[in-house]
Full PDB file with SEQRES, HELIX, SHEET, SSBOND, CRYST1, ORIGX, SCALE, CONECT and MASTER records, all heavy atoms in Angstrom:
SEQRES   1 A   30  ASP HIS GLN ALA HIS LEU ALA TYR ALA GLU TRP ASN ARG          
SEQRES   2 A   30  SER GLY GLN LYS VAL CYS PRO PRO THR HIS PRO VAL LEU          
SEQRES   3 A   30  ILE PRO GLN ILE                                              
CRYST1    1.000    1.000    1.000  90.00  90.00  90.00 P 1           1          
ORIGX1      1.000000  0.000000  0.000000        0.00000                         
ORIGX2      0.000000  1.000000  0.000000        0.00000                         
ORIGX3      0.000000  0.000000  1.000000        0.00000                         
SCALE1      1.000000  0.000000  0.000000        0.00000                         
SCALE2      0.000000  1.000000  0.000000        0.00000                         
SCALE3      0.000000  0.000000  1.000000        0.00000                         
ATOM      1  N   ASP A   1       0.743  -1.219   0.041  1.00  0.00           N  
ATOM      2  CA  ASP A   1       0.050   0.007   0.016  1.00  0.00           C  
ATOM      3  C   ASP A   1       0.860   1.291  -0.027  1.00  0.00           C  
ATOM      4  O   ASP A   1       0.356   2.344   0.155  1.00  0.00           O  
ATOM      5  CB  ASP A   1      -0.948   0.022   1.202  1.00  0.00           C  
ATOM      6  CG  ASP A   1      -0.211   0.072   2.559  1.00  0.00           C  
ATOM      7  OD1 ASP A   1       0.981   0.134   2.527  1.00  0.00           O  
ATOM      8  OD2 ASP A   1      -0.961   0.085   3.523  1.00  0.00           O  
ATOM      9  N   HIS A   2       2.169   1.043  -0.029  1.00  0.00           N  
ATOM     10  CA  HIS A   2       3.174   2.209  -0.031  1.00  0.00           C  
ATOM     11  C   HIS A   2       3.100   3.042   1.230  1.00  0.00           C  
ATOM     12  O   HIS A   2       3.605   4.095   1.293  1.00  0.00           O  
ATOM     13  CB  HIS A   2       2.969   3.143  -1.262  1.00  0.00           C  
ATOM     14  CG  HIS A   2       2.854   2.382  -2.567  1.00  0.00           C  
ATOM     15  ND1 HIS A   2       4.074   1.837  -3.078  1.00  0.00           N  
ATOM     16  CD2 HIS A   2       1.921   2.125  -3.402  1.00  0.00           C  
ATOM     17  CE1 HIS A   2       3.791   1.280  -4.228  1.00  0.00           C  
ATOM     18  NE2 HIS A   2       2.537   1.393  -4.414  1.00  0.00           N  
ATOM     19  N   GLN A   3       2.493   2.464   2.355  1.00  0.00           N  
ATOM     20  CA  GLN A   3       2.356   3.225   3.499  1.00  0.00           C  
ATOM     21  C   GLN A   3       2.714   2.471   4.795  1.00  0.00           C  
ATOM     22  O   GLN A   3       3.195   3.046   5.767  1.00  0.00           O  
ATOM     23  CB  GLN A   3       0.892   3.746   3.721  1.00  0.00           C  
ATOM     24  CG  GLN A   3       0.532   4.719   2.614  1.00  0.00           C  
ATOM     25  CD  GLN A   3      -0.919   5.092   2.681  1.00  0.00           C  
ATOM     26  OE1 GLN A   3      -1.596   4.945   3.645  1.00  0.00           O  
ATOM     27  NE2 GLN A   3      -1.454   5.654   1.628  1.00  0.00           N  
ATOM     28  N   ALA A   4       2.392   1.190   4.844  1.00  0.00           N  
ATOM     29  CA  ALA A   4       2.395   0.418   6.080  1.00  0.00           C  
ATOM     30  C   ALA A   4       3.787   0.281   6.731  1.00  0.00           C  
ATOM     31  O   ALA A   4       3.830   0.060   7.993  1.00  0.00           O  
ATOM     32  CB  ALA A   4       1.837  -0.955   5.845  1.00  0.00           C  
ATOM     33  N   HIS A   5       4.840   0.481   6.042  1.00  0.00           N  
ATOM     34  CA  HIS A   5       6.178   0.308   6.599  1.00  0.00           C  
ATOM     35  C   HIS A   5       6.586   1.528   7.304  1.00  0.00           C  
ATOM     36  O   HIS A   5       7.588   1.548   8.008  1.00  0.00           O  
ATOM     37  CB  HIS A   5       7.227  -0.035   5.508  1.00  0.00           C  
ATOM     38  CG  HIS A   5       7.261   0.921   4.439  1.00  0.00           C  
ATOM     39  ND1 HIS A   5       6.249   1.250   3.552  1.00  0.00           N  
ATOM     40  CD2 HIS A   5       8.326   1.696   3.957  1.00  0.00           C  
ATOM     41  CE1 HIS A   5       6.627   2.183   2.698  1.00  0.00           C  
ATOM     42  NE2 HIS A   5       7.937   2.456   2.901  1.00  0.00           N  
ATOM     43  N   LEU A   6       5.810   2.614   7.216  1.00  0.00           N  
ATOM     44  CA  LEU A   6       6.203   3.852   7.906  1.00  0.00           C  
ATOM     45  C   LEU A   6       5.056   4.438   8.730  1.00  0.00           C  
ATOM     46  O   LEU A   6       3.774   3.956   8.520  1.00  0.00           O  
ATOM     47  CB  LEU A   6       6.522   5.043   6.893  1.00  0.00           C  
ATOM     48  CG  LEU A   6       7.681   4.746   5.871  1.00  0.00           C  
ATOM     49  CD1 LEU A   6       7.709   5.708   4.869  1.00  0.00           C  
ATOM     50  CD2 LEU A   6       8.982   4.708   6.668  1.00  0.00           C  
ATOM     51  N   ALA A   7       5.327   5.236   9.727  1.00  0.00           N  
ATOM     52  CA  ALA A   7       4.231   5.839  10.615  1.00  0.00           C  
ATOM     53  C   ALA A   7       4.674   7.138  11.022  1.00  0.00           C  
ATOM     54  O   ALA A   7       5.874   7.493  10.975  1.00  0.00           O  
ATOM     55  CB  ALA A   7       3.983   4.928  11.768  1.00  0.00           C  
ATOM     56  N   TYR A   8       3.757   7.899  11.508  1.00  0.00           N  
ATOM     57  CA  TYR A   8       4.120   9.240  12.032  1.00  0.00           C  
ATOM     58  C   TYR A   8       4.313   9.183  13.560  1.00  0.00           C  
ATOM     59  O   TYR A   8       3.734   8.426  14.183  1.00  0.00           O  
ATOM     60  CB  TYR A   8       2.870  10.190  11.865  1.00  0.00           C  
ATOM     61  CG  TYR A   8       2.799  10.645  10.352  1.00  0.00           C  
ATOM     62  CD1 TYR A   8       1.932   9.892   9.549  1.00  0.00           C  
ATOM     63  CD2 TYR A   8       3.549  11.696   9.875  1.00  0.00           C  
ATOM     64  CE1 TYR A   8       1.811  10.285   8.164  1.00  0.00           C  
ATOM     65  CE2 TYR A   8       3.344  12.022   8.436  1.00  0.00           C  
ATOM     66  CZ  TYR A   8       2.591  11.326   7.686  1.00  0.00           C  
ATOM     67  OH  TYR A   8       2.491  11.670   6.320  1.00  0.00           O  
ATOM     68  N   ALA A   9       5.292   9.982  13.988  1.00  0.00           N  
ATOM     69  CA  ALA A   9       5.539  10.139  15.415  1.00  0.00           C  
ATOM     70  C   ALA A   9       4.434  10.864  16.052  1.00  0.00           C  
ATOM     71  O   ALA A   9       3.636  11.626  15.461  1.00  0.00           O  
ATOM     72  CB  ALA A   9       6.841  10.809  15.649  1.00  0.00           C  
ATOM     73  N   GLU A  10       4.203  10.575  17.416  1.00  0.00           N  
ATOM     74  CA  GLU A  10       3.145  11.284  18.093  1.00  0.00           C  
ATOM     75  C   GLU A  10       3.756  11.902  19.399  1.00  0.00           C  
ATOM     76  O   GLU A  10       4.799  11.513  19.860  1.00  0.00           O  
ATOM     77  CB  GLU A  10       2.166  10.163  18.549  1.00  0.00           C  
ATOM     78  CG  GLU A  10       1.407   9.585  17.318  1.00  0.00           C  
ATOM     79  CD  GLU A  10       0.456   8.555  17.718  1.00  0.00           C  
ATOM     80  OE1 GLU A  10       0.229   8.282  18.932  1.00  0.00           O  
ATOM     81  OE2 GLU A  10      -0.269   7.957  16.910  1.00  0.00           O  
ATOM     82  N   TRP A  11       3.103  12.941  19.818  1.00  0.00           N  
ATOM     83  CA  TRP A  11       3.548  13.597  21.096  1.00  0.00           C  
ATOM     84  C   TRP A  11       3.173  12.780  22.304  1.00  0.00           C  
ATOM     85  O   TRP A  11       2.041  12.159  22.413  1.00  0.00           O  
ATOM     86  CB  TRP A  11       2.837  14.945  21.238  1.00  0.00           C  
ATOM     87  CG  TRP A  11       3.191  15.930  20.150  1.00  0.00           C  
ATOM     88  CD1 TRP A  11       2.448  16.241  18.970  1.00  0.00           C  
ATOM     89  CD2 TRP A  11       4.347  16.664  20.047  1.00  0.00           C  
ATOM     90  NE1 TRP A  11       3.089  17.196  18.253  1.00  0.00           N  
ATOM     91  CE2 TRP A  11       4.273  17.394  18.769  1.00  0.00           C  
ATOM     92  CE3 TRP A  11       5.545  16.786  20.832  1.00  0.00           C  
ATOM     93  CZ2 TRP A  11       5.429  18.281  18.455  1.00  0.00           C  
ATOM     94  CZ3 TRP A  11       6.493  17.678  20.491  1.00  0.00           C  
ATOM     95  CH2 TRP A  11       6.421  18.375  19.250  1.00  0.00           C  
ATOM     96  N   ASN A  12       4.196  12.610  23.199  1.00  0.00           N  
ATOM     97  CA  ASN A  12       3.976  11.918  24.450  1.00  0.00           C  
ATOM     98  C   ASN A  12       3.626  12.887  25.559  1.00  0.00           C  
ATOM     99  O   ASN A  12       3.580  14.129  25.332  1.00  0.00           O  
ATOM    100  CB  ASN A  12       5.134  10.999  24.802  1.00  0.00           C  
ATOM    101  CG  ASN A  12       6.329  11.764  25.143  1.00  0.00           C  
ATOM    102  OD1 ASN A  12       6.337  12.943  25.438  1.00  0.00           O  
ATOM    103  ND2 ASN A  12       7.371  11.037  25.280  1.00  0.00           N  
ATOM    104  N   ARG A  13       3.231  12.424  26.681  1.00  0.00           N  
ATOM    105  CA  ARG A  13       2.917  13.271  27.839  1.00  0.00           C  
ATOM    106  C   ARG A  13       4.089  14.198  28.311  1.00  0.00           C  
ATOM    107  O   ARG A  13       3.709  15.217  28.926  1.00  0.00           O  
ATOM    108  CB  ARG A  13       2.393  12.453  29.048  1.00  0.00           C  
ATOM    109  CG  ARG A  13       1.185  11.742  28.717  1.00  0.00           C  
ATOM    110  CD  ARG A  13       0.743  10.891  29.913  1.00  0.00           C  
ATOM    111  NE  ARG A  13      -0.443  10.205  29.550  1.00  0.00           N  
ATOM    112  CZ  ARG A  13      -1.168   9.415  30.403  1.00  0.00           C  
ATOM    113  NH1 ARG A  13      -0.696   9.237  31.633  1.00  0.00           N  
ATOM    114  NH2 ARG A  13      -2.227   8.812  30.038  1.00  0.00           N  
ATOM    115  N   SER A  14       5.266  13.925  27.922  1.00  0.00           N  
ATOM    116  CA  SER A  14       6.401  14.757  28.275  1.00  0.00           C  
ATOM    117  C   SER A  14       6.664  15.860  27.233  1.00  0.00           C  
ATOM    118  O   SER A  14       7.595  16.621  27.303  1.00  0.00           O  
ATOM    119  CB  SER A  14       7.642  13.982  28.425  1.00  0.00           C  
ATOM    120  OG  SER A  14       7.546  13.024  29.424  1.00  0.00           O  
ATOM    121  N   GLY A  15       5.887  15.856  26.206  1.00  0.00           N  
ATOM    122  CA  GLY A  15       6.032  16.841  25.184  1.00  0.00           C  
ATOM    123  C   GLY A  15       7.091  16.496  24.119  1.00  0.00           C  
ATOM    124  O   GLY A  15       7.609  17.411  23.406  1.00  0.00           O  
ATOM    125  N   GLN A  16       7.379  15.274  23.969  1.00  0.00           N  
ATOM    126  CA  GLN A  16       8.398  14.748  22.989  1.00  0.00           C  
ATOM    127  C   GLN A  16       7.692  13.991  21.973  1.00  0.00           C  
ATOM    128  O   GLN A  16       6.716  13.337  22.240  1.00  0.00           O  
ATOM    129  CB  GLN A  16       9.393  13.858  23.615  1.00  0.00           C  
ATOM    130  CG  GLN A  16      10.292  14.589  24.748  1.00  0.00           C  
ATOM    131  CD  GLN A  16      11.186  13.567  25.418  1.00  0.00           C  
ATOM    132  OE1 GLN A  16      10.668  12.583  25.877  1.00  0.00           O  
ATOM    133  NE2 GLN A  16      12.364  13.982  25.664  1.00  0.00           N  
ATOM    134  N   LYS A  17       8.187  14.103  20.727  1.00  0.00           N  
ATOM    135  CA  LYS A  17       7.739  13.244  19.629  1.00  0.00           C  
ATOM    136  C   LYS A  17       8.314  11.929  19.793  1.00  0.00           C  
ATOM    137  O   LYS A  17       9.616  11.848  19.737  1.00  0.00           O  
ATOM    138  CB  LYS A  17       7.916  13.921  18.327  1.00  0.00           C  
ATOM    139  CG  LYS A  17       6.885  14.868  17.943  1.00  0.00           C  
ATOM    140  CD  LYS A  17       6.924  15.136  16.426  1.00  0.00           C  
ATOM    141  CE  LYS A  17       5.654  15.495  15.914  1.00  0.00           C  
ATOM    142  NZ  LYS A  17       5.524  15.764  14.557  1.00  0.00           N  
ATOM    143  N   VAL A  18       7.546  10.761  19.808  1.00  0.00           N  
ATOM    144  CA  VAL A  18       8.115   9.440  19.829  1.00  0.00           C  
ATOM    145  C   VAL A  18       7.438   8.503  18.726  1.00  0.00           C  
ATOM    146  O   VAL A  18       6.281   8.799  18.429  1.00  0.00           O  
ATOM    147  CB  VAL A  18       7.868   8.865  21.223  1.00  0.00           C  
ATOM    148  CG1 VAL A  18       8.667   9.621  22.326  1.00  0.00           C  
ATOM    149  CG2 VAL A  18       6.431   8.820  21.624  1.00  0.00           C  
ATOM    150  N   CYS A  19       8.127   7.582  18.347  1.00  0.00           N  
ATOM    151  CA  CYS A  19       7.619   6.596  17.383  1.00  0.00           C  
ATOM    152  C   CYS A  19       6.760   5.591  18.046  1.00  0.00           C  
ATOM    153  O   CYS A  19       7.119   5.193  19.147  1.00  0.00           O  
ATOM    154  CB  CYS A  19       8.825   5.913  16.652  1.00  0.00           C  
ATOM    155  SG  CYS A  19       9.649   7.114  15.515  1.00  0.00           S  
ATOM    156  N   PRO A  20       5.795   4.965  17.396  1.00  0.00           N  
ATOM    157  CA  PRO A  20       4.944   3.950  18.074  1.00  0.00           C  
ATOM    158  C   PRO A  20       5.757   2.709  18.128  1.00  0.00           C  
ATOM    159  O   PRO A  20       6.760   2.460  17.288  1.00  0.00           O  
ATOM    160  CB  PRO A  20       3.791   3.837  17.093  1.00  0.00           C  
ATOM    161  CG  PRO A  20       4.288   4.342  15.748  1.00  0.00           C  
ATOM    162  CD  PRO A  20       5.229   5.436  16.125  1.00  0.00           C  
ATOM    163  N   PRO A  21       5.501   1.819  19.020  1.00  0.00           N  
ATOM    164  CA  PRO A  21       6.233   0.536  19.173  1.00  0.00           C  
ATOM    165  C   PRO A  21       6.238  -0.298  17.881  1.00  0.00           C  
ATOM    166  O   PRO A  21       7.187  -1.073  17.641  1.00  0.00           O  
ATOM    167  CB  PRO A  21       5.438  -0.197  20.261  1.00  0.00           C  
ATOM    168  CG  PRO A  21       4.587   0.810  20.957  1.00  0.00           C  
ATOM    169  CD  PRO A  21       4.333   1.936  19.966  1.00  0.00           C  
ATOM    170  N   THR A  22       5.257  -0.228  17.079  1.00  0.00           N  
ATOM    171  CA  THR A  22       5.196  -0.918  15.794  1.00  0.00           C  
ATOM    172  C   THR A  22       6.217  -0.465  14.725  1.00  0.00           C  
ATOM    173  O   THR A  22       6.601  -1.108  13.839  1.00  0.00           O  
ATOM    174  CB  THR A  22       3.804  -0.923  15.148  1.00  0.00           C  
ATOM    175  OG1 THR A  22       3.490   0.470  14.995  1.00  0.00           O  
ATOM    176  CG2 THR A  22       2.812  -1.516  16.065  1.00  0.00           C  
ATOM    177  N   HIS A  23       6.622   0.859  14.929  1.00  0.00           N  
ATOM    178  CA  HIS A  23       7.584   1.493  13.985  1.00  0.00           C  
ATOM    179  C   HIS A  23       8.657   2.251  14.807  1.00  0.00           C  
ATOM    180  O   HIS A  23       8.580   3.493  14.818  1.00  0.00           O  
ATOM    181  CB  HIS A  23       6.878   2.430  13.032  1.00  0.00           C  
ATOM    182  CG  HIS A  23       5.854   1.817  12.215  1.00  0.00           C  
ATOM    183  ND1 HIS A  23       4.635   1.212  12.543  1.00  0.00           N  
ATOM    184  CD2 HIS A  23       5.961   1.551  10.823  1.00  0.00           C  
ATOM    185  CE1 HIS A  23       3.989   0.687  11.534  1.00  0.00           C  
ATOM    186  NE2 HIS A  23       4.742   0.808  10.458  1.00  0.00           N  
ATOM    187  N   PRO A  24       9.525   1.539  15.452  1.00  0.00           N  
ATOM    188  CA  PRO A  24      10.386   2.162  16.543  1.00  0.00           C  
ATOM    189  C   PRO A  24      11.631   2.863  15.965  1.00  0.00           C  
ATOM    190  O   PRO A  24      12.199   3.558  16.728  1.00  0.00           O  
ATOM    191  CB  PRO A  24      10.850   0.909  17.224  1.00  0.00           C  
ATOM    192  CG  PRO A  24      10.912  -0.233  16.263  1.00  0.00           C  
ATOM    193  CD  PRO A  24       9.705   0.025  15.398  1.00  0.00           C  
ATOM    194  N   VAL A  25      11.944   2.821  14.651  1.00  0.00           N  
ATOM    195  CA  VAL A  25      13.175   3.393  14.177  1.00  0.00           C  
ATOM    196  C   VAL A  25      12.831   4.834  13.715  1.00  0.00           C  
ATOM    197  O   VAL A  25      12.098   5.063  12.755  1.00  0.00           O  
ATOM    198  CB  VAL A  25      13.726   2.591  13.058  1.00  0.00           C  
ATOM    199  CG1 VAL A  25      15.079   3.173  12.545  1.00  0.00           C  
ATOM    200  CG2 VAL A  25      14.015   1.207  13.490  1.00  0.00           C  
ATOM    201  N   LEU A  26      13.409   5.855  14.313  1.00  0.00           N  
ATOM    202  CA  LEU A  26      13.286   7.264  14.010  1.00  0.00           C  
ATOM    203  C   LEU A  26      14.083   7.488  12.727  1.00  0.00           C  
ATOM    204  O   LEU A  26      15.326   7.238  12.642  1.00  0.00           O  
ATOM    205  CB  LEU A  26      13.687   8.122  15.053  1.00  0.00           C  
ATOM    206  CG  LEU A  26      13.464   9.657  14.860  1.00  0.00           C  
ATOM    207  CD1 LEU A  26      11.964   9.927  14.777  1.00  0.00           C  
ATOM    208  CD2 LEU A  26      14.091  10.440  15.949  1.00  0.00           C  
ATOM    209  N   ILE A  27      13.562   8.120  11.667  1.00  0.00           N  
ATOM    210  CA  ILE A  27      14.301   8.424  10.388  1.00  0.00           C  
ATOM    211  C   ILE A  27      14.071   9.951  10.180  1.00  0.00           C  
ATOM    212  O   ILE A  27      13.087  10.531  10.721  1.00  0.00           O  
ATOM    213  CB  ILE A  27      13.787   7.675   9.138  1.00  0.00           C  
ATOM    214  CG1 ILE A  27      12.279   7.750   9.000  1.00  0.00           C  
ATOM    215  CG2 ILE A  27      14.115   6.145   9.378  1.00  0.00           C  
ATOM    216  CD1 ILE A  27      11.727   7.087   7.744  1.00  0.00           C  
ATOM    217  N   PRO A  28      14.968  10.554   9.390  1.00  0.00           N  
ATOM    218  CA  PRO A  28      14.746  12.022   9.127  1.00  0.00           C  
ATOM    219  C   PRO A  28      13.373  12.150   8.404  1.00  0.00           C  
ATOM    220  O   PRO A  28      12.933  11.527   7.474  1.00  0.00           O  
ATOM    221  CB  PRO A  28      15.875  12.366   8.105  1.00  0.00           C  
ATOM    222  CG  PRO A  28      16.930  11.344   8.314  1.00  0.00           C  
ATOM    223  CD  PRO A  28      16.145  10.014   8.719  1.00  0.00           C  
ATOM    224  N   GLN A  29      12.776  13.320   8.794  1.00  0.00           N  
ATOM    225  CA  GLN A  29      11.446  13.675   8.156  1.00  0.00           C  
ATOM    226  C   GLN A  29      11.831  14.574   7.011  1.00  0.00           C  
ATOM    227  O   GLN A  29      12.431  15.586   7.141  1.00  0.00           O  
ATOM    228  CB  GLN A  29      10.532  14.407   9.172  1.00  0.00           C  
ATOM    229  CG  GLN A  29       9.178  14.554   8.475  1.00  0.00           C  
ATOM    230  CD  GLN A  29       8.215  15.232   9.488  1.00  0.00           C  
ATOM    231  OE1 GLN A  29       8.510  16.034  10.264  1.00  0.00           O  
ATOM    232  NE2 GLN A  29       6.971  14.674   9.461  1.00  0.00           N  
ATOM    233  N   ILE A  30      11.189  14.235   5.843  1.00  0.00           N  
ATOM    234  CA  ILE A  30      11.306  15.079   4.644  1.00  0.00           C  
ATOM    235  C   ILE A  30       9.881  15.869   4.538  1.00  0.00           C  
ATOM    236  O   ILE A  30       8.894  15.318   4.585  1.00  0.00           O  
ATOM    237  CB  ILE A  30      11.413  14.238   3.390  1.00  0.00           C  
ATOM    238  CG1 ILE A  30      12.600  13.326   3.493  1.00  0.00           C  
ATOM    239  CG2 ILE A  30      11.428  15.137   2.111  1.00  0.00           C  
ATOM    240  CD1 ILE A  30      13.933  13.956   3.497  1.00  0.00           C  
TER     241      ILE A  30                                                      
MASTER        0    0    0    0    0    0    0    6  240    1    0    3          
END                                                                             
């Protein structure tokens, strides 16, 4: 589907953007 291998980071309660457990590797955002 050209999408399932990637996900968007979300804000946590500490105000940091974190990746979901299903997509744990942070990559540069274009």
